[in-house]
Protein backbone atom coordinates (compact mmCIF):
# COMPACT_ATOMS: atom_id res chain seq x y z
CA MET A 1 0.00 0.00 0.00
CA PRO A 2 1.45 3.38 -0.94
CA LYS A 3 2.14 5.80 1.87
CA ILE A 4 1.86 9.26 0.35
CA GLY A 5 1.17 11.00 -2.91
CA TYR A 6 0.48 7.89 -4.93
CA ARG A 7 -1.91 7.33 -7.81
CA THR A 8 -2.99 4.20 -9.65
CA PRO A 9 -6.10 3.62 -11.77
CA TRP A 10 -7.78 2.27 -8.63
CA PHE A 11 -6.41 4.36 -5.76
CA LYS A 12 -5.37 8.00 -5.39
CA ILE A 13 -3.67 9.41 -2.30
CA ASP A 14 -3.06 13.14 -2.07
CA PRO A 15 0.62 14.06 -1.53
CA THR A 16 -0.23 15.61 1.86
CA ALA A 17 -2.00 12.48 3.15
CA PHE A 18 -0.41 9.72 5.24
CA VAL A 19 -1.54 6.12 4.98
CA GLY A 20 0.01 3.65 7.41
CA GLU A 21 1.61 0.29 6.60
CA HIS A 22 -1.19 -2.09 7.58
CA ILE A 23 -4.01 -0.65 5.47
CA VAL A 24 -5.84 -3.15 3.26
CA SER A 25 -7.67 -1.97 0.15
CA LYS A 26 -9.62 -3.87 -2.46
CA ARG A 27 -8.49 -3.17 -6.00
CA GLY A 28 -11.62 -1.18 -6.63
CA LYS A 29 -12.00 1.87 -8.81
CA THR A 30 -11.65 5.50 -7.77
CA THR A 31 -10.95 5.28 -4.06
CA ILE A 32 -9.68 8.76 -3.19
CA VAL A 33 -7.88 9.87 -0.01
CA GLY A 34 -8.00 13.68 0.27
CA TRP A 35 -5.27 16.09 1.33
CA GLY A 36 -4.14 16.11 4.94
CA CYS A 37 -5.71 12.73 5.78
CA HIS A 38 -4.15 10.34 8.26
CA ILE A 39 -5.08 6.65 8.13
CA TYR A 40 -3.46 4.41 10.75
CA GLY A 41 -3.61 0.85 12.01
CA ASP A 42 -5.87 -2.05 11.10
CA VAL A 43 -8.12 -0.47 8.45
CA GLU A 44 -9.85 -2.22 5.56
CA LEU A 45 -11.02 0.00 2.69
CA GLY A 46 -13.50 -1.01 -0.01
CA GLU A 47 -13.73 0.44 -3.51
CA GLY A 48 -15.15 3.72 -4.73
CA ILE A 49 -14.61 5.45 -1.38
CA LEU A 50 -14.26 9.22 -1.13
CA ILE A 51 -12.36 10.42 1.94
CA GLY A 52 -12.48 14.21 2.19
CA PRO A 53 -9.63 16.46 3.33
CA ASN A 54 -8.20 16.32 6.86
CA VAL A 55 -9.96 13.07 7.80
CA THR A 56 -8.40 10.88 10.51
CA ILE A 57 -9.07 7.14 10.56
CA ASN A 58 -7.28 5.49 13.48
CA SER A 59 -7.86 1.94 14.69
CA SER A 60 -5.98 2.56 17.95
CA VAL A 61 -7.98 3.74 20.94
CA HIS A 62 -6.62 4.84 24.27
CA PRO A 63 -8.85 4.04 27.24
CA ILE A 64 -8.91 6.44 30.16
CA LYS A 65 -9.16 4.41 33.36
CA PRO A 66 -9.33 5.93 36.83
CA ASN A 67 -6.38 5.62 39.22
CA ILE A 68 -3.90 4.69 36.46
CA ASN A 69 -1.51 7.21 34.94
CA ILE A 70 -2.52 7.97 31.34
CA LYS A 71 0.96 7.18 30.03
CA ASP A 72 0.85 3.74 31.69
CA GLN A 73 -2.42 2.66 30.04
CA LYS A 74 -2.19 0.30 27.10
CA THR A 75 -3.37 1.28 23.64
CA ILE A 76 -6.11 -0.99 22.25
CA HIS A 77 -6.28 -1.78 18.54
CA LYS A 78 -9.74 -2.34 17.01
CA LYS A 79 -10.20 -3.03 13.30
CA ILE A 80 -12.06 -0.51 11.13
CA ILE A 81 -13.95 -1.71 8.05
CA ILE A 82 -15.11 0.82 5.46
CA GLU A 83 -17.07 -0.88 2.71
CA ASP A 84 -17.67 0.21 -0.90
CA HIS A 85 -18.90 3.64 -2.06
CA VAL A 86 -18.70 5.35 1.34
CA PHE A 87 -18.24 9.12 1.65
CA ILE A 88 -16.42 10.54 4.68
CA GLY A 89 -16.69 14.34 4.83
CA ALA A 90 -13.91 16.83 5.50
CA GLY A 91 -12.41 16.86 8.98
CA ALA A 92 -14.23 13.74 10.20
CA THR A 93 -12.63 11.31 12.65
CA VAL A 94 -13.30 7.56 12.63
CA LEU A 95 -12.04 5.63 15.66
CA GLY A 96 -11.39 1.91 16.15
CA GLY A 97 -13.99 -0.83 16.15
CA ASN A 98 -16.29 0.76 13.55
CA THR A 99 -17.83 -0.82 10.48
CA VAL A 100 -19.23 1.53 7.84
CA LYS A 101 -21.40 -0.38 5.36
CA SER A 102 -21.71 0.32 1.62
CA GLY A 103 -23.14 3.65 0.53
CA ALA A 104 -23.03 5.24 3.98
CA VAL A 105 -22.06 8.86 4.63
CA ILE A 106 -20.15 10.30 7.60
CA GLY A 107 -20.72 14.07 7.68
CA ALA A 108 -18.00 16.72 7.70
CA GLY A 109 -16.47 17.36 11.12
CA SER A 110 -18.12 14.30 12.65
CA VAL A 111 -16.46 12.12 15.29
CA LEU A 112 -17.44 8.46 14.98
CA THR A 113 -16.51 7.08 18.38
CA GLU A 114 -15.60 3.41 18.73
CA ASP A 115 -17.72 0.30 18.18
CA HIS A 116 -20.54 1.35 15.83
CA ILE A 117 -22.01 -0.42 12.82
CA ILE A 118 -23.23 2.13 10.29
CA LYS A 119 -25.79 0.39 8.06
CA GLU A 120 -25.98 0.64 4.27
CA ASN A 121 -26.94 4.07 2.92
CA GLU A 122 -27.22 5.68 6.36
CA VAL A 123 -26.08 9.25 6.97
CA TRP A 124 -24.42 9.93 10.32
CA CYS A 125 -23.27 13.35 11.56
CA GLY A 126 -22.13 15.20 14.66
CA ASN A 127 -19.81 14.98 17.62
CA PRO A 128 -20.41 12.35 18.77
CA CYS A 129 -21.66 11.00 15.45
CA LYS A 130 -25.35 9.96 15.41
CA PHE A 131 -27.78 8.60 12.85
CA LEU A 132 -29.41 11.40 10.82
CA LYS A 133 -31.31 9.71 7.96
CA LYS A 134 -31.25 7.16 5.15
CA ARG A 135 -30.08 8.43 1.76
């Protein structure tokens, strides 16, 4: 998987985006990663996805437990699956443990906290991200 500024007939990554080493992508058509995006960890991308500018997709979550120093708490890795023809708007954040089904939309500036299943063709928006409507 290319890390930055790479283009093939099936995948385009803006030169200002960063895609980590463990990203899996189908060889679909026209998946686009916009400028300033950061994609880290155990992430599976479908085909025909549009990821707007400044989106963060990070499969690592950091729990905050009482009575334990933050720096001593272990990072947890939870797989993210983004299926075909999904649109993730500018500035959105997708955290670990989420599955976004085909045709779904995550609105600009939204924060999709961990462990959600976004159903096909649903639109979710906000911070925290919540169901808005079917498209």
